[in-house]
C-alpha atoms as a PDB file:
ATOM      1  CA  UNK A   1       0.000   0.000   0.000  1.00  0.00           C
ATOM      2  CA  UNK A   2       1.136   3.513  -0.675  1.00  0.00           C
ATOM      3  CA  UNK A   3       1.663   5.953   2.223  1.00  0.00           C
ATOM      4  CA  UNK A   4      -1.006   8.334   0.884  1.00  0.00           C
ATOM      5  CA  UNK A   5      -3.666   5.609   0.776  1.00  0.00           C
ATOM      6  CA  UNK A   6      -2.817   4.570   4.338  1.00  0.00           C
ATOM      7  CA  UNK A   7      -3.069   8.180   5.546  1.00  0.00           C
ATOM      8  CA  UNK A   8      -6.458   8.630   3.838  1.00  0.00           C
ATOM      9  CA  UNK A   9      -7.730   5.427   5.442  1.00  0.00           C
ATOM     10  CA  UNK A  10      -6.593   6.576   8.896  1.00  0.00           C
ATOM     11  CA  UNK A  11      -8.298   9.953   8.397  1.00  0.00           C
ATOM     12  CA  UNK A  12     -11.533   8.295   7.311  1.00  0.00           C
ATOM     13  CA  UNK A  13     -11.553   5.785  10.197  1.00  0.00           C
ATOM     14  CA  UNK A  14      -9.091   6.976  12.879  1.00  0.00           C
ATOM     15  CA  UNK A  15     -10.055   4.342  15.457  1.00  0.00           C
ATOM     16  CA  UNK A  16     -10.184   1.374  13.072  1.00  0.00           C
ATOM     17  CA  UNK A  17      -6.493   0.530  12.692  1.00  0.00           C
ATOM     18  CA  UNK A  18      -4.213  -0.784  15.433  1.00  0.00           C
ATOM     19  CA  UNK A  19      -1.279  -0.822  13.033  1.00  0.00           C
ATOM     20  CA  UNK A  20      -0.604  -0.051   9.385  1.00  0.00           C
ATOM     21  CA  UNK A  21       2.182  -1.134   7.053  1.00  0.00           C
ATOM     22  CA  UNK A  22       3.469   0.476   3.877  1.00  0.00           C
ATOM     23  CA  UNK A  23       5.229  -1.636   1.289  1.00  0.00           C
ATOM     24  CA  UNK A  24       4.945  -4.374  -1.304  1.00  0.00           C
ATOM     25  CA  UNK A  25       2.216  -6.751  -0.189  1.00  0.00           C
ATOM     26  CA  UNK A  26       4.119  -9.752  -1.557  1.00  0.00           C
ATOM     27  CA  UNK A  27       6.989  -8.950   0.818  1.00  0.00           C
ATOM     28  CA  UNK A  28       4.730  -8.076   3.741  1.00  0.00           C
ATOM     29  CA  UNK A  29       2.929 -11.454   3.627  1.00  0.00           C
ATOM     30  CA  UNK A  30       6.272 -13.227   3.962  1.00  0.00           C
ATOM     31  CA  UNK A  31       7.521 -10.885   6.704  1.00  0.00           C
ATOM     32  CA  UNK A  32       4.365 -11.320   8.781  1.00  0.00           C
ATOM     33  CA  UNK A  33       4.113 -15.111   8.626  1.00  0.00           C
ATOM     34  CA  UNK A  34       2.474 -17.080  10.001  1.00  0.00           C
ATOM     35  CA  UNK A  35      -0.821 -15.469   8.983  1.00  0.00           C
ATOM     36  CA  UNK A  36      -4.160 -17.183   9.560  1.00  0.00           C
ATOM     37  CA  UNK A  37      -6.435 -14.844   7.600  1.00  0.00           C
ATOM     38  CA  UNK A  38      -5.850 -12.409   4.737  1.00  0.00           C
ATOM     39  CA  UNK A  39      -8.724 -10.190   3.604  1.00  0.00           C
ATOM     40  CA  UNK A  40      -8.025  -8.085   0.544  1.00  0.00           C
ATOM     41  CA  UNK A  41     -10.626  -5.740  -0.875  1.00  0.00           C
ATOM     42  CA  UNK A  42      -9.759  -4.034  -4.151  1.00  0.00           C
ATOM     43  CA  UNK A  43      -6.042  -4.633  -3.807  1.00  0.00           C
ATOM     44  CA  UNK A  44      -5.280  -7.733  -5.886  1.00  0.00           C
ATOM     45  CA  UNK A  45      -6.799  -5.978  -8.932  1.00  0.00           C
ATOM     46  CA  UNK A  46      -3.394  -4.391  -9.516  1.00  0.00           C
ATOM     47  CA  UNK A  47      -1.776  -7.750 -10.317  1.00  0.00           C
ATOM     48  CA  UNK A  48      -2.073  -9.251 -13.791  1.00  0.00           C
ATOM     49  CA  UNK A  49      -0.088 -12.465 -13.415  1.00  0.00           C
ATOM     50  CA  UNK A  50      -1.198 -13.914 -10.071  1.00  0.00           C
ATOM     51  CA  UNK A  51       1.674 -16.385  -9.602  1.00  0.00           C
ATOM     52  CA  UNK A  52       3.970 -14.019  -7.635  1.00  0.00           C
ATOM     53  CA  UNK A  53       1.052 -12.911  -5.455  1.00  0.00           C
ATOM     54  CA  UNK A  54      -0.111 -16.458  -4.676  1.00  0.00           C
ATOM     55  CA  UNK A  55       3.458 -17.543  -4.011  1.00  0.00           C
ATOM     56  CA  UNK A  56       3.732 -14.911  -1.290  1.00  0.00           C
ATOM     57  CA  UNK A  57       0.235 -15.638   0.058  1.00  0.00           C
ATOM     58  CA  UNK A  58       1.085 -19.323   0.453  1.00  0.00           C
ATOM     59  CA  UNK A  59       4.488 -18.429   1.899  1.00  0.00           C
ATOM     60  CA  UNK A  60       2.830 -16.236   4.525  1.00  0.00           C
ATOM     61  CA  UNK A  61      -0.240 -18.305   5.390  1.00  0.00           C
ATOM     62  CA  UNK A  62      -0.083 -21.027   7.982  1.00  0.00           C
ATOM     63  CA  UNK A  63      -1.419 -24.431   6.933  1.00  0.00           C
ATOM     64  CA  UNK A  64      -5.197 -24.260   6.897  1.00  0.00           C
ATOM     65  CA  UNK A  65      -5.128 -20.427   6.705  1.00  0.00           C
ATOM     66  CA  UNK A  66      -7.580 -18.452   4.609  1.00  0.00           C
ATOM     67  CA  UNK A  67      -7.504 -15.667   2.033  1.00  0.00           C
ATOM     68  CA  UNK A  68     -10.649 -13.779   0.989  1.00  0.00           C
ATOM     69  CA  UNK A  69     -10.418 -11.300  -1.872  1.00  0.00           C
ATOM     70  CA  UNK A  70     -12.207  -9.718  -4.756  1.00  0.00           C
ATOM     71  CA  UNK A  71     -11.128  -9.238  -8.354  1.00  0.00           C
ATOM     72  CA  UNK A  72     -12.657  -7.575 -11.355  1.00  0.00           C
ATOM     73  CA  UNK A  73     -13.941  -9.418 -14.401  1.00  0.00           C
ATOM     74  CA  UNK A  74     -14.277  -8.150 -17.966  1.00  0.00           C
ATOM     75  CA  UNK A  75     -17.668  -7.070 -19.302  1.00  0.00           C
ATOM     76  CA  UNK A  76     -20.054  -9.794 -20.440  1.00  0.00           C
ATOM     77  CA  UNK A  77     -19.559  -8.812 -24.078  1.00  0.00           C
ATOM     78  CA  UNK A  78     -15.780  -8.702 -23.729  1.00  0.00           C
ATOM     79  CA  UNK A  79     -15.821 -12.078 -21.985  1.00  0.00           C
ATOM     80  CA  UNK A  80     -17.841 -13.589 -24.843  1.00  0.00           C
ATOM     81  CA  UNK A  81     -15.424 -12.154 -27.421  1.00  0.00           C
ATOM     82  CA  UNK A  82     -12.330 -13.268 -25.501  1.00  0.00           C
ATOM     83  CA  UNK A  83     -13.713 -16.776 -25.019  1.00  0.00           C
ATOM     84  CA  UNK A  84     -14.233 -17.023 -28.799  1.00  0.00           C
ATOM     85  CA  UNK A  85     -10.999 -15.413 -29.980  1.00  0.00           C
ATOM     86  CA  UNK A  86      -8.645 -16.490 -27.181  1.00  0.00           C
ATOM     87  CA  UNK A  87     -10.253 -19.195 -25.028  1.00  0.00           C
ATOM     88  CA  UNK A  88      -7.143 -19.492 -22.853  1.00  0.00           C
ATOM     89  CA  UNK A  89      -7.169 -15.818 -21.785  1.00  0.00           C
ATOM     90  CA  UNK A  90      -6.280 -15.305 -18.140  1.00  0.00           C
ATOM     91  CA  UNK A  91      -6.446 -11.580 -17.396  1.00  0.00           C
ATOM     92  CA  UNK A  92      -6.818  -8.279 -19.172  1.00  0.00           C
ATOM     93  CA  UNK A  93      -5.670  -4.770 -18.300  1.00  0.00           C
ATOM     94  CA  UNK A  94      -8.674  -2.445 -18.207  1.00  0.00           C
ATOM     95  CA  UNK A  95      -8.834   1.133 -19.419  1.00  0.00           C
ATOM     96  CA  UNK A  96      -8.854   2.198 -15.743  1.00  0.00           C
ATOM     97  CA  UNK A  97      -5.464   0.670 -14.933  1.00  0.00           C
ATOM     98  CA  UNK A  98      -6.764  -2.351 -13.059  1.00  0.00           C
ATOM     99  CA  UNK A  99      -6.686  -5.995 -14.104  1.00  0.00           C
ATOM    100  CA  UNK A 100      -9.760  -8.112 -14.787  1.00  0.00           C
ATOM    101  CA  UNK A 101      -9.299 -11.850 -14.229  1.00  0.00           C
ATOM    102  CA  UNK A 102     -11.046 -14.925 -15.573  1.00  0.00           C
ATOM    103  CA  UNK A 103     -12.597 -17.046 -12.802  1.00  0.00           C
ATOM    104  CA  UNK A 104     -11.056 -20.285 -14.053  1.00  0.00           C
ATOM    105  CA  UNK A 105      -7.589 -18.720 -14.178  1.00  0.00           C
ATOM    106  CA  UNK A 106      -7.839 -17.586 -10.549  1.00  0.00           C
ATOM    107  CA  UNK A 107      -8.943 -21.034  -9.457  1.00  0.00           C
ATOM    108  CA  UNK A 108      -6.140 -22.695 -11.472  1.00  0.00           C
ATOM    109  CA  UNK A 109      -3.514 -20.475  -9.859  1.00  0.00           C
ATOM    110  CA  UNK A 110      -5.000 -21.273  -6.467  1.00  0.00           C
ATOM    111  CA  UNK A 111      -4.781 -25.007  -7.144  1.00  0.00           C
ATOM    112  CA  UNK A 112      -1.205 -24.626  -8.397  1.00  0.00           C
ATOM    113  CA  UNK A 113      -0.305 -23.156  -4.992  1.00  0.00           C
ATOM    114  CA  UNK A 114      -2.317 -25.696  -2.938  1.00  0.00           C
ATOM    115  CA  UNK A 115      -5.210 -23.313  -2.316  1.00  0.00           C
ATOM    116  CA  UNK A 116      -8.716 -24.737  -2.393  1.00  0.00           C
ATOM    117  CA  UNK A 117     -11.610 -22.493  -3.409  1.00  0.00           C
ATOM    118  CA  UNK A 118     -14.163 -22.753  -0.617  1.00  0.00           C
ATOM    119  CA  UNK A 119     -16.478 -20.005  -1.790  1.00  0.00           C
ATOM    120  CA  UNK A 120     -17.053 -18.117  -5.020  1.00  0.00           C
ATOM    121  CA  UNK A 121     -19.607 -15.460  -5.889  1.00  0.00           C
ATOM    122  CA  UNK A 122     -20.042 -13.068  -8.770  1.00  0.00           C
ATOM    123  CA  UNK A 123     -20.138  -9.452  -7.707  1.00  0.00           C
ATOM    124  CA  UNK A 124     -21.529  -7.557 -10.675  1.00  0.00           C
ATOM    125  CA  UNK A 125     -22.183  -3.846 -10.284  1.00  0.00           C
ATOM    126  CA  UNK A 126     -20.007  -3.348  -7.197  1.00  0.00           C
ATOM    127  CA  UNK A 127     -18.475  -0.328  -8.926  1.00  0.00           C
ATOM    128  CA  UNK A 128     -19.397   1.894 -11.851  1.00  0.00           C
ATOM    129  CA  UNK A 129     -16.976   3.460 -14.346  1.00  0.00           C
ATOM    130  CA  UNK A 130     -18.519   6.175 -16.534  1.00  0.00           C
ATOM    131  CA  UNK A 131     -21.976   4.884 -15.541  1.00  0.00           C
ATOM    132  CA  UNK A 132     -21.072   1.387 -16.741  1.00  0.00           C
ATOM    133  CA  UNK A 133     -21.374  -1.520 -14.313  1.00  0.00           C
ATOM    134  CA  UNK A 134     -18.080  -3.221 -13.410  1.00  0.00           C
ATOM    135  CA  UNK A 135     -18.254  -6.985 -13.017  1.00  0.00           C
ATOM    136  CA  UNK A 136     -16.324  -8.747 -10.318  1.00  0.00           C
ATOM    137  CA  UNK A 137     -15.881 -11.871  -8.224  1.00  0.00           C
ATOM    138  CA  UNK A 138     -15.312 -12.800  -4.602  1.00  0.00           C
ATOM    139  CA  UNK A 139     -13.086 -15.753  -3.711  1.00  0.00           C
ATOM    140  CA  UNK A 140     -12.443 -17.442  -0.381  1.00  0.00           C
ATOM    141  CA  UNK A 141      -9.569 -19.912  -0.496  1.00  0.00           C
ATOM    142  CA  UNK A 142      -7.843 -22.076   2.056  1.00  0.00           C
ATOM    143  CA  UNK A 143      -4.231 -23.224   2.128  1.00  0.00           C
ATOM    144  CA  UNK A 144      -4.322 -26.991   2.133  1.00  0.00           C
ATOM    145  CA  UNK A 145      -2.553 -29.089   4.714  1.00  0.00           C
ATOM    146  CA  UNK A 146      -0.557 -31.675   2.754  1.00  0.00           C
ATOM    147  CA  UNK A 147      -3.050 -33.623   0.629  1.00  0.00           C
ATOM    148  CA  UNK A 148      -5.862 -33.382   3.151  1.00  0.00           C
ATOM    149  CA  UNK A 149      -9.185 -31.817   2.324  1.00  0.00           C
ATOM    150  CA  UNK A 150     -10.079 -28.486   3.861  1.00  0.00           C
ATOM    151  CA  UNK A 151     -10.360 -28.364   7.611  1.00  0.00           C
ATOM    152  CA  UNK A 152     -13.298 -26.006   7.492  1.00  0.00           C
ATOM    153  CA  UNK A 153     -16.499 -25.786   5.513  1.00  0.00           C
ATOM    154  CA  UNK A 154     -18.050 -22.412   4.796  1.00  0.00           C
ATOM    155  CA  UNK A 155     -21.690 -21.984   3.937  1.00  0.00           C
ATOM    156  CA  UNK A 156     -23.233 -18.606   3.420  1.00  0.00           C
END
């Protein structure tokens, strides 16, 4: 997180934060290990390739730990076109400087790093850009312990 974003957050909610850190999140996850829970709202949207991010998440999480995050998705029309022209697309840089990710790509990266998707939900219309609805997703994943199944079931 940048220092200016942290300062704005503290001004908006002065009693909310016990501590704040400024730096590269991929380094911070590793420095703070072991972590049991990571919640990331509108922060992973600045990563295109998710491998480095998931590598640091897994490196920081304790076995059985959780990560909950949101990502953007491309528009329905763009998704249709991409699926036709480039079915193996993974992510796309948007005009607003954020990355939109394909659901299956996110889940594949999670599996590659021994993360099981426990919960998934579309989140369409969570933001508007120029009066156009932005599509998104919410993921909750758990770091697997060896080859065991998840140690927790989530139902919402």
